[in-house]
Structure formats: structure tokens, C-alpha cells
Amino acid sequence: MNTVYETEAFTKLYGTLEKPECEWVEKIKDQLTANLEVGKPLRYGWFREKKLGNKRLYYLINAKTNKAVLLAFGPKKEQQKIVDHILANMERYLKLIE
């Protein structure tokens, strides 16, 4: 059994999502609880995304500690900005799942 966390920023963002998006995020949380290897790896095995239409959910996984942390959810247009931010702050985010 895996544990799924959220950053404070993601929790605030989650509160602004539409109901179908929230339901989809909850399904992804359930999938991650069962299996951390879901989603498409982005550059690294521990950095992944799942797509919902033109939007993406970004998260990190740690198979050793059986933890995942949800970081961001945004449209394809903002993908590079989001990825760059996550990679620039990866040490801080990886500490959340150690």
C-alpha cells in the first residue's frame, strides 16, 4: 500500500478544479495508492504525469518509501513552465517523499 501526499499549493489548486477534474484526481490517487508506476515518466523515473484531455497532473514518486506527492495540475500550454519549476525545486519536493 502506497501513501499519496499533496503540496499545499496543489491542495489550494484542487479547491478550484471543476467537479469532473476533482473526481479524476481522486481516481489517480487511488491508482497511485495501488501502484506508483502509473503515468508517463518525464525525464526521470520518479517524475511523472497523467493526462486528462489537454490538462496534466504532475507528481513525484519514491518506490523505496512507497510515497507519491501531487505537485501541479495545468494545461498543456503551461507544461514547460510547470516542469521547469518542479525540476528547479526537485530537492525540496523529493524530501517530501523520503
PDB file of N, CA and C in Angstrom:
ATOM      1  N   MET A   1       0.844  -1.183   0.000  1.00  0.00           N
ATOM      2  CA  MET A   1       0.000   0.000   0.000  1.00  0.00           C
ATOM      3  C   MET A   1       0.890   1.248   0.000  1.00  0.00           C
ATOM      4  N   ASN A   2       0.627   2.160  -0.887  1.00  0.00           N
ATOM      5  CA  ASN A   2       1.398   3.389  -1.027  1.00  0.00           C
ATOM      6  C   ASN A   2       0.654   4.555  -0.383  1.00  0.00           C
ATOM      7  N   THR A   3       1.375   5.609  -0.069  1.00  0.00           N
ATOM      8  CA  THR A   3       0.790   6.812   0.512  1.00  0.00           C
ATOM      9  C   THR A   3       0.925   7.949  -0.490  1.00  0.00           C
ATOM     10  N   VAL A   4      -0.155   8.710  -0.670  1.00  0.00           N
ATOM     11  CA  VAL A   4      -0.151   9.834  -1.607  1.00  0.00           C
ATOM     12  C   VAL A   4      -0.337  11.130  -0.817  1.00  0.00           C
ATOM     13  N   TYR A   5       0.594  12.052  -1.023  1.00  0.00           N
ATOM     14  CA  TYR A   5       0.559  13.359  -0.376  1.00  0.00           C
ATOM     15  C   TYR A   5       0.284  14.433  -1.421  1.00  0.00           C
ATOM     16  N   GLU A   6      -0.006  15.637  -0.924  1.00  0.00           N
ATOM     17  CA  GLU A   6      -0.189  16.803  -1.793  1.00  0.00           C
ATOM     18  C   GLU A   6       0.630  17.947  -1.220  1.00  0.00           C
ATOM     19  N   THR A   7       1.161  18.788  -2.100  1.00  0.00           N
ATOM     20  CA  THR A   7       1.787  20.011  -1.616  1.00  0.00           C
ATOM     21  C   THR A   7       0.660  20.977  -1.231  1.00  0.00           C
ATOM     22  N   GLU A   8       0.992  21.958  -0.440  1.00  0.00           N
ATOM     23  CA  GLU A   8      -0.001  22.957  -0.038  1.00  0.00           C
ATOM     24  C   GLU A   8      -0.538  23.688  -1.270  1.00  0.00           C
ATOM     25  N   ALA A   9       0.350  23.985  -2.216  1.00  0.00           N
ATOM     26  CA  ALA A   9      -0.066  24.670  -3.445  1.00  0.00           C
ATOM     27  C   ALA A   9      -1.037  23.803  -4.242  1.00  0.00           C
ATOM     28  N   PHE A  10      -0.791  22.490  -4.288  1.00  0.00           N
ATOM     29  CA  PHE A  10      -1.701  21.600  -5.018  1.00  0.00           C
ATOM     30  C   PHE A  10      -3.059  21.559  -4.325  1.00  0.00           C
ATOM     31  N   THR A  11      -3.069  21.521  -3.010  1.00  0.00           N
ATOM     32  CA  THR A  11      -4.332  21.478  -2.270  1.00  0.00           C
ATOM     33  C   THR A  11      -5.177  22.712  -2.581  1.00  0.00           C
ATOM     34  N   LYS A  12      -4.537  23.883  -2.647  1.00  0.00           N
ATOM     35  CA  LYS A  12      -5.252  25.112  -2.995  1.00  0.00           C
ATOM     36  C   LYS A  12      -5.786  25.034  -4.427  1.00  0.00           C
ATOM     37  N   LEU A  13      -4.955  24.542  -5.334  1.00  0.00           N
ATOM     38  CA  LEU A  13      -5.361  24.393  -6.732  1.00  0.00           C
ATOM     39  C   LEU A  13      -6.524  23.419  -6.861  1.00  0.00           C
ATOM     40  N   TYR A  14      -6.456  22.328  -6.121  1.00  0.00           N
ATOM     41  CA  TYR A  14      -7.512  21.304  -6.154  1.00  0.00           C
ATOM     42  C   TYR A  14      -8.872  21.912  -5.814  1.00  0.00           C
ATOM     43  N   GLY A  15      -8.880  22.858  -4.886  1.00  0.00           N
ATOM     44  CA  GLY A  15     -10.127  23.520  -4.493  1.00  0.00           C
ATOM     45  C   GLY A  15     -10.750  24.351  -5.597  1.00  0.00           C
ATOM     46  N   THR A  16      -9.981  24.678  -6.636  1.00  0.00           N
ATOM     47  CA  THR A  16     -10.501  25.499  -7.737  1.00  0.00           C
ATOM     48  C   THR A  16     -10.925  24.657  -8.944  1.00  0.00           C
ATOM     49  N   LEU A  17     -10.668  23.353  -8.896  1.00  0.00           N
ATOM     50  CA  LEU A  17     -10.977  22.499 -10.045  1.00  0.00           C
ATOM     51  C   LEU A  17     -12.466  22.235 -10.163  1.00  0.00           C
ATOM     52  N   GLU A  18     -12.901  21.918 -11.379  1.00  0.00           N
ATOM     53  CA  GLU A  18     -14.286  21.544 -11.615  1.00  0.00           C
ATOM     54  C   GLU A  18     -14.516  20.131 -11.092  1.00  0.00           C
ATOM     55  N   LYS A  19     -15.772  19.793 -10.844  1.00  0.00           N
ATOM     56  CA  LYS A  19     -16.098  18.504 -10.236  1.00  0.00           C
ATOM     57  C   LYS A  19     -15.538  17.309 -11.017  1.00  0.00           C
ATOM     58  N   PRO A  20     -15.680  17.256 -12.352  1.00  0.00           N
ATOM     59  CA  PRO A  20     -15.122  16.099 -13.078  1.00  0.00           C
ATOM     60  C   PRO A  20     -13.603  15.981 -12.922  1.00  0.00           C
ATOM     61  N   GLU A  21     -12.918  17.116 -12.857  1.00  0.00           N
ATOM     62  CA  GLU A  21     -11.468  17.103 -12.672  1.00  0.00           C
ATOM     63  C   GLU A  21     -11.109  16.584 -11.279  1.00  0.00           C
ATOM     64  N   CYS A  22     -11.858  17.013 -10.276  1.00  0.00           N
ATOM     65  CA  CYS A  22     -11.627  16.531  -8.907  1.00  0.00           C
ATOM     66  C   CYS A  22     -11.840  15.024  -8.818  1.00  0.00           C
ATOM     67  N   GLU A  23     -12.900  14.538  -9.454  1.00  0.00           N
ATOM     68  CA  GLU A  23     -13.174  13.100  -9.449  1.00  0.00           C
ATOM     69  C   GLU A  23     -12.035  12.341 -10.130  1.00  0.00           C
ATOM     70  N   TRP A  24     -11.526  12.882 -11.221  1.00  0.00           N
ATOM     71  CA  TRP A  24     -10.421  12.244 -11.938  1.00  0.00           C
ATOM     72  C   TRP A  24      -9.168  12.208 -11.066  1.00  0.00           C
ATOM     73  N   VAL A  25      -8.869  13.319 -10.383  1.00  0.00           N
ATOM     74  CA  VAL A  25      -7.700  13.365  -9.493  1.00  0.00           C
ATOM     75  C   VAL A  25      -7.851  12.319  -8.388  1.00  0.00           C
ATOM     76  N   GLU A  26      -9.038  12.165  -7.849  1.00  0.00           N
ATOM     77  CA  GLU A  26      -9.268  11.155  -6.811  1.00  0.00           C
ATOM     78  C   GLU A  26      -9.017   9.746  -7.351  1.00  0.00           C
ATOM     79  N   LYS A  27      -9.419   9.493  -8.607  1.00  0.00           N
ATOM     80  CA  LYS A  27      -9.145   8.185  -9.223  1.00  0.00           C
ATOM     81  C   LYS A  27      -7.648   7.954  -9.366  1.00  0.00           C
ATOM     82  N   ILE A  28      -6.911   8.994  -9.735  1.00  0.00           N
ATOM     83  CA  ILE A  28      -5.455   8.874  -9.873  1.00  0.00           C
ATOM     84  C   ILE A  28      -4.835   8.600  -8.509  1.00  0.00           C
ATOM     85  N   LYS A  29      -5.328   9.261  -7.465  1.00  0.00           N
ATOM     86  CA  LYS A  29      -4.829   8.996  -6.113  1.00  0.00           C
ATOM     87  C   LYS A  29      -5.027   7.521  -5.757  1.00  0.00           C
ATOM     88  N   ASP A  30      -6.201   6.991  -6.090  1.00  0.00           N
ATOM     89  CA  ASP A  30      -6.474   5.575  -5.823  1.00  0.00           C
ATOM     90  C   ASP A  30      -5.520   4.682  -6.600  1.00  0.00           C
ATOM     91  N   GLN A  31      -5.262   5.031  -7.867  1.00  0.00           N
ATOM     92  CA  GLN A  31      -4.324   4.247  -8.683  1.00  0.00           C
ATOM     93  C   GLN A  31      -2.925   4.288  -8.067  1.00  0.00           C
ATOM     94  N   LEU A  32      -2.489   5.465  -7.637  1.00  0.00           N
ATOM     95  CA  LEU A  32      -1.162   5.598  -7.048  1.00  0.00           C
ATOM     96  C   LEU A  32      -1.062   4.842  -5.726  1.00  0.00           C
ATOM     97  N   THR A  33      -2.147   4.793  -4.977  1.00  0.00           N
ATOM     98  CA  THR A  33      -2.145   4.034  -3.729  1.00  0.00           C
ATOM     99  C   THR A  33      -1.886   2.557  -4.014  1.00  0.00           C
ATOM    100  N   ALA A  34      -2.416   2.073  -5.135  1.00  0.00           N
ATOM    101  CA  ALA A  34      -2.229   0.669  -5.509  1.00  0.00           C
ATOM    102  C   ALA A  34      -0.919   0.420  -6.254  1.00  0.00           C
ATOM    103  N   ASN A  35      -0.490   1.397  -7.088  1.00  0.00           N
ATOM    104  CA  ASN A  35       0.678   1.185  -7.940  1.00  0.00           C
ATOM    105  C   ASN A  35       1.326   2.530  -8.280  1.00  0.00           C
ATOM    106  N   LEU A  36       2.546   2.738  -7.829  1.00  0.00           N
ATOM    107  CA  LEU A  36       3.235   4.002  -8.099  1.00  0.00           C
ATOM    108  C   LEU A  36       3.700   4.143  -9.541  1.00  0.00           C
ATOM    109  N   GLU A  37       3.727   3.075 -10.292  1.00  0.00           N
ATOM    110  CA  GLU A  37       4.275   3.097 -11.654  1.00  0.00           C
ATOM    111  C   GLU A  37       3.267   3.562 -12.707  1.00  0.00           C
ATOM    112  N   VAL A  38       2.166   4.187 -12.330  1.00  0.00           N
ATOM    113  CA  VAL A  38       1.207   4.680 -13.317  1.00  0.00           C
ATOM    114  C   VAL A  38       1.698   6.018 -13.858  1.00  0.00           C
ATOM    115  N   GLY A  39       1.250   6.362 -15.040  1.00  0.00           N
ATOM    116  CA  GLY A  39       1.615   7.636 -15.641  1.00  0.00           C
ATOM    117  C   GLY A  39       2.848   7.547 -16.510  1.00  0.00           C
ATOM    118  N   LYS A  40       3.123   8.649 -17.194  1.00  0.00           N
ATOM    119  CA  LYS A  40       4.244   8.730 -18.120  1.00  0.00           C
ATOM    120  C   LYS A  40       5.434   9.383 -17.420  1.00  0.00           C
ATOM    121  N   PRO A  41       6.595   8.737 -17.417  1.00  0.00           N
ATOM    122  CA  PRO A  41       7.775   9.368 -16.815  1.00  0.00           C
ATOM    123  C   PRO A  41       8.212  10.598 -17.628  1.00  0.00           C
ATOM    124  N   LEU A  42       8.640  11.643 -16.923  1.00  0.00           N
ATOM    125  CA  LEU A  42       9.142  12.862 -17.550  1.00  0.00           C
ATOM    126  C   LEU A  42      10.619  13.019 -17.181  1.00  0.00           C
ATOM    127  N   ARG A  43      11.491  12.698 -18.091  1.00  0.00           N
ATOM    128  CA  ARG A  43      12.950  12.791 -17.922  1.00  0.00           C
ATOM    129  C   ARG A  43      13.516  11.818 -16.898  1.00  0.00           C
ATOM    130  N   TYR A  44      12.844  11.633 -15.775  1.00  0.00           N
ATOM    131  CA  TYR A  44      13.302  10.766 -14.695  1.00  0.00           C
ATOM    132  C   TYR A  44      12.193   9.783 -14.333  1.00  0.00           C
ATOM    133  N   GLY A  45      12.568   8.626 -13.799  1.00  0.00           N
ATOM    134  CA  GLY A  45      11.568   7.636 -13.399  1.00  0.00           C
ATOM    135  C   GLY A  45      10.700   8.095 -12.244  1.00  0.00           C
ATOM    136  N   TRP A  46      11.207   9.041 -11.442  1.00  0.00           N
ATOM    137  CA  TRP A  46      10.469   9.490 -10.266  1.00  0.00           C
ATOM    138  C   TRP A  46       9.579  10.702 -10.533  1.00  0.00           C
ATOM    139  N   PHE A  47       9.639  11.266 -11.722  1.00  0.00           N
ATOM    140  CA  PHE A  47       8.842  12.436 -12.089  1.00  0.00           C
ATOM    141  C   PHE A  47       7.867  12.010 -13.177  1.00  0.00           C
ATOM    142  N   ARG A  48       6.566  12.110 -12.906  1.00  0.00           N
ATOM    143  CA  ARG A  48       5.573  11.557 -13.825  1.00  0.00           C
ATOM    144  C   ARG A  48       4.406  12.511 -14.050  1.00  0.00           C
ATOM    145  N   GLU A  49       3.632  12.166 -15.091  1.00  0.00           N
ATOM    146  CA  GLU A  49       2.416  12.921 -15.391  1.00  0.00           C
ATOM    147  C   GLU A  49       1.316  11.977 -15.834  1.00  0.00           C
ATOM    148  N   LYS A  50       0.079  12.415 -15.636  1.00  0.00           N
ATOM    149  CA  LYS A  50      -1.101  11.738 -16.171  1.00  0.00           C
ATOM    150  C   LYS A  50      -1.901  12.800 -16.908  1.00  0.00           C
ATOM    151  N   LYS A  51      -2.476  12.415 -18.054  1.00  0.00           N
ATOM    152  CA  LYS A  51      -3.224  13.371 -18.871  1.00  0.00           C
ATOM    153  C   LYS A  51      -4.729  13.220 -18.687  1.00  0.00           C
ATOM    154  N   LEU A  52      -5.399  14.362 -18.680  1.00  0.00           N
ATOM    155  CA  LEU A  52      -6.853  14.432 -18.712  1.00  0.00           C
ATOM    156  C   LEU A  52      -7.190  15.482 -19.762  1.00  0.00           C
ATOM    157  N   GLY A  53      -7.544  15.027 -20.958  1.00  0.00           N
ATOM    158  CA  GLY A  53      -7.799  15.964 -22.049  1.00  0.00           C
ATOM    159  C   GLY A  53      -6.538  16.744 -22.369  1.00  0.00           C
ATOM    160  N   ASN A  54      -6.620  18.074 -22.290  1.00  0.00           N
ATOM    161  CA  ASN A  54      -5.434  18.892 -22.567  1.00  0.00           C
ATOM    162  C   ASN A  54      -4.736  19.321 -21.276  1.00  0.00           C
ATOM    163  N   LYS A  55      -5.123  18.742 -20.145  1.00  0.00           N
ATOM    164  CA  LYS A  55      -4.503  19.083 -18.860  1.00  0.00           C
ATOM    165  C   LYS A  55      -3.671  17.909 -18.366  1.00  0.00           C
ATOM    166  N   ARG A  56      -2.728  18.226 -17.482  1.00  0.00           N
ATOM    167  CA  ARG A  56      -1.832  17.205 -16.949  1.00  0.00           C
ATOM    168  C   ARG A  56      -1.681  17.347 -15.446  1.00  0.00           C
ATOM    169  N   LEU A  57      -1.593  16.189 -14.790  1.00  0.00           N
ATOM    170  CA  LEU A  57      -1.328  16.117 -13.359  1.00  0.00           C
ATOM    171  C   LEU A  57       0.129  15.702 -13.202  1.00  0.00           C
ATOM    172  N   TYR A  58       0.892  16.469 -12.446  1.00  0.00           N
ATOM    173  CA  TYR A  58       2.320  16.216 -12.253  1.00  0.00           C
ATOM    174  C   TYR A  58       2.563  15.749 -10.828  1.00  0.00           C
ATOM    175  N   TYR A  59       3.392  14.711 -10.696  1.00  0.00           N
ATOM    176  CA  TYR A  59       3.674  14.178  -9.366  1.00  0.00           C
ATOM    177  C   TYR A  59       5.026  13.480  -9.349  1.00  0.00           C
ATOM    178  N   LEU A  60       5.543  13.291  -8.138  1.00  0.00           N
ATOM    179  CA  LEU A  60       6.797  12.578  -7.926  1.00  0.00           C
ATOM    180  C   LEU A  60       6.489  11.295  -7.181  1.00  0.00           C
ATOM    181  N   ILE A  61       7.298  10.265  -7.429  1.00  0.00           N
ATOM    182  CA  ILE A  61       7.132   9.008  -6.715  1.00  0.00           C
ATOM    183  C   ILE A  61       8.464   8.587  -6.096  1.00  0.00           C
ATOM    184  N   ASN A  62       8.381   7.807  -5.027  1.00  0.00           N
ATOM    185  CA  ASN A  62       9.549   7.191  -4.421  1.00  0.00           C
ATOM    186  C   ASN A  62       9.176   5.750  -4.126  1.00  0.00           C
ATOM    187  N   ALA A  63       9.655   4.821  -4.960  1.00  0.00           N
ATOM    188  CA  ALA A  63       9.312   3.410  -4.817  1.00  0.00           C
ATOM    189  C   ALA A  63       9.891   2.812  -3.536  1.00  0.00           C
ATOM    190  N   LYS A  64      11.022   3.339  -3.069  1.00  0.00           N
ATOM    191  CA  LYS A  64      11.649   2.802  -1.844  1.00  0.00           C
ATOM    192  C   LYS A  64      10.807   3.071  -0.604  1.00  0.00           C
ATOM    193  N   THR A  65      10.213   4.262  -0.527  1.00  0.00           N
ATOM    194  CA  THR A  65       9.407   4.615   0.645  1.00  0.00           C
ATOM    195  C   THR A  65       7.909   4.440   0.397  1.00  0.00           C
ATOM    196  N   ASN A  66       7.538   4.024  -0.812  1.00  0.00           N
ATOM    197  CA  ASN A  66       6.131   3.828  -1.189  1.00  0.00           C
ATOM    198  C   ASN A  66       5.306   5.096  -1.004  1.00  0.00           C
ATOM    199  N   LYS A  67       5.859   6.221  -1.489  1.00  0.00           N
ATOM    200  CA  LYS A  67       5.175   7.509  -1.366  1.00  0.00           C
ATOM    201  C   LYS A  67       5.125   8.225  -2.711  1.00  0.00           C
ATOM    202  N   ALA A  68       4.085   9.042  -2.845  1.00  0.00           N
ATOM    203  CA  ALA A  68       3.945   9.918  -4.008  1.00  0.00           C
ATOM    204  C   ALA A  68       3.469  11.270  -3.502  1.00  0.00           C
ATOM    205  N   VAL A  69       3.834  12.317  -4.226  1.00  0.00           N
ATOM    206  CA  VAL A  69       3.361  13.659  -3.869  1.00  0.00           C
ATOM    207  C   VAL A  69       2.842  14.336  -5.135  1.00  0.00           C
ATOM    208  N   LEU A  70       1.595  14.821  -5.046  1.00  0.00           N
ATOM    209  CA  LEU A  70       0.978  15.539  -6.157  1.00  0.00           C
ATOM    210  C   LEU A  70       1.457  16.980  -6.108  1.00  0.00           C
ATOM    211  N   LEU A  71       1.951  17.477  -7.250  1.00  0.00           N
ATOM    212  CA  LEU A  71       2.561  18.798  -7.271  1.00  0.00           C
ATOM    213  C   LEU A  71       1.776  19.851  -8.035  1.00  0.00           C
ATOM    214  N   ALA A  72       1.262  19.493  -9.210  1.00  0.00           N
ATOM    215  CA  ALA A  72       0.643  20.515 -10.061  1.00  0.00           C
ATOM    216  C   ALA A  72      -0.371  19.885 -11.003  1.00  0.00           C
ATOM    217  N   PHE A  73      -1.275  20.723 -11.499  1.00  0.00           N
ATOM    218  CA  PHE A  73      -2.266  20.318 -12.489  1.00  0.00           C
ATOM    219  C   PHE A  73      -2.478  21.523 -13.383  1.00  0.00           C
ATOM    220  N   GLY A  74      -2.229  21.361 -14.685  1.00  0.00           N
ATOM    221  CA  GLY A  74      -2.377  22.504 -15.564  1.00  0.00           C
ATOM    222  C   GLY A  74      -2.494  22.111 -17.015  1.00  0.00           C
ATOM    223  N   PRO A  75      -2.804  23.092 -17.861  1.00  0.00           N
ATOM    224  CA  PRO A  75      -2.969  22.828 -19.285  1.00  0.00           C
ATOM    225  C   PRO A  75      -1.631  22.580 -19.990  1.00  0.00           C
ATOM    226  N   LYS A  76      -1.711  21.982 -21.145  1.00  0.00           N
ATOM    227  CA  LYS A  76      -0.532  21.682 -21.963  1.00  0.00           C
ATOM    228  C   LYS A  76       0.297  22.944 -22.214  1.00  0.00           C
ATOM    229  N   LYS A  77      -0.374  24.088 -22.409  1.00  0.00           N
ATOM    230  CA  LYS A  77       0.317  25.355 -22.672  1.00  0.00           C
ATOM    231  C   LYS A  77       1.334  25.696 -21.589  1.00  0.00           C
ATOM    232  N   GLU A  78       1.020  25.342 -20.344  1.00  0.00           N
ATOM    233  CA  GLU A  78       1.883  25.695 -19.222  1.00  0.00           C
ATOM    234  C   GLU A  78       2.838  24.572 -18.849  1.00  0.00           C
ATOM    235  N   GLN A  79       2.856  23.495 -19.628  1.00  0.00           N
ATOM    236  CA  GLN A  79       3.650  22.324 -19.287  1.00  0.00           C
ATOM    237  C   GLN A  79       5.122  22.653 -19.048  1.00  0.00           C
ATOM    238  N   GLN A  80       5.753  23.383 -19.952  1.00  0.00           N
ATOM    239  CA  GLN A  80       7.182  23.659 -19.808  1.00  0.00           C
ATOM    240  C   GLN A  80       7.464  24.486 -18.567  1.00  0.00           C
ATOM    241  N   LYS A  81       6.624  25.472 -18.295  1.00  0.00           N
ATOM    242  CA  LYS A  81       6.790  26.313 -17.114  1.00  0.00           C
ATOM    243  C   LYS A  81       6.671  25.480 -15.834  1.00  0.00           C
ATOM    244  N   ILE A  82       5.687  24.597 -15.801  1.00  0.00           N
ATOM    245  CA  ILE A  82       5.468  23.747 -14.622  1.00  0.00           C
ATOM    246  C   ILE A  82       6.643  22.785 -14.440  1.00  0.00           C
ATOM    247  N   VAL A  83       7.054  22.123 -15.521  1.00  0.00           N
ATOM    248  CA  VAL A  83       8.167  21.167 -15.459  1.00  0.00           C
ATOM    249  C   VAL A  83       9.440  21.873 -15.009  1.00  0.00           C
ATOM    250  N   ASP A  84       9.729  23.037 -15.570  1.00  0.00           N
ATOM    251  CA  ASP A  84      10.924  23.790 -15.183  1.00  0.00           C
ATOM    252  C   ASP A  84      10.895  24.142 -13.698  1.00  0.00           C
ATOM    253  N   HIS A  85       9.741  24.560 -13.203  1.00  0.00           N
ATOM    254  CA  HIS A  85       9.612  24.903 -11.777  1.00  0.00           C
ATOM    255  C   HIS A  85       9.855  23.677 -10.893  1.00  0.00           C
ATOM    256  N   ILE A  86       9.260  22.554 -11.264  1.00  0.00           N
ATOM    257  CA  ILE A  86       9.424  21.333 -10.467  1.00  0.00           C
ATOM    258  C   ILE A  86      10.885  20.894 -10.459  1.00  0.00           C
ATOM    259  N   LEU A  87      11.526  20.916 -11.615  1.00  0.00           N
ATOM    260  CA  LEU A  87      12.924  20.497 -11.678  1.00  0.00           C
ATOM    261  C   LEU A  87      13.839  21.453 -10.910  1.00  0.00           C
ATOM    262  N   ALA A  88      13.526  22.743 -10.925  1.00  0.00           N
ATOM    263  CA  ALA A  88      14.322  23.718 -10.188  1.00  0.00           C
ATOM    264  C   ALA A  88      14.195  23.528  -8.678  1.00  0.00           C
ATOM    265  N   ASN A  89      13.065  22.970  -8.251  1.00  0.00           N
ATOM    266  CA  ASN A  89      12.799  22.768  -6.824  1.00  0.00           C
ATOM    267  C   ASN A  89      12.760  21.292  -6.442  1.00  0.00           C
ATOM    268  N   MET A  90      13.362  20.434  -7.263  1.00  0.00           N
ATOM    269  CA  MET A  90      13.211  18.992  -7.062  1.00  0.00           C
ATOM    270  C   MET A  90      13.743  18.506  -5.715  1.00  0.00           C
ATOM    271  N   GLU A  91      14.824  19.081  -5.229  1.00  0.00           N
ATOM    272  CA  GLU A  91      15.367  18.627  -3.944  1.00  0.00           C
ATOM    273  C   GLU A  91      14.352  18.829  -2.825  1.00  0.00           C
ATOM    274  N   ARG A  92      13.721  19.977  -2.828  1.00  0.00           N
ATOM    275  CA  ARG A  92      12.704  20.262  -1.803  1.00  0.00           C
ATOM    276  C   ARG A  92      11.534  19.290  -1.925  1.00  0.00           C
ATOM    277  N   TYR A  93      11.084  19.028  -3.156  1.00  0.00           N
ATOM    278  CA  TYR A  93       9.957  18.119  -3.361  1.00  0.00           C
ATOM    279  C   TYR A  93      10.327  16.676  -3.034  1.00  0.00           C
ATOM    280  N   LEU A  94      11.524  16.263  -3.386  1.00  0.00           N
ATOM    281  CA  LEU A  94      11.934  14.882  -3.110  1.00  0.00           C
ATOM    282  C   LEU A  94      12.039  14.630  -1.603  1.00  0.00           C
ATOM    283  N   LYS A  95      12.366  15.653  -0.829  1.00  0.00           N
ATOM    284  CA  LYS A  95      12.420  15.490   0.625  1.00  0.00           C
ATOM    285  C   LYS A  95      11.044  15.170   1.191  1.00  0.00           C
ATOM    286  N   LEU A  96       9.998  15.624   0.514  1.00  0.00           N
ATOM    287  CA  LEU A  96       8.640  15.354   0.980  1.00  0.00           C
ATOM    288  C   LEU A  96       8.283  13.879   0.936  1.00  0.00           C
ATOM    289  N   ILE A  97       8.972  13.113   0.073  1.00  0.00           N
ATOM    290  CA  ILE A  97       8.623  11.698  -0.069  1.00  0.00           C
ATOM    291  C   ILE A  97       9.735  10.759   0.375  1.00  0.00           C
ATOM    292  N   GLU A  98      10.708  11.281   1.130  1.00  0.00           N
ATOM    293  CA  GLU A  98      11.772  10.416   1.662  1.00  0.00           C
ATOM    294  C   GLU A  98      11.292   9.672   2.881  1.00  0.00           C
TER     295      GLU A  98
END
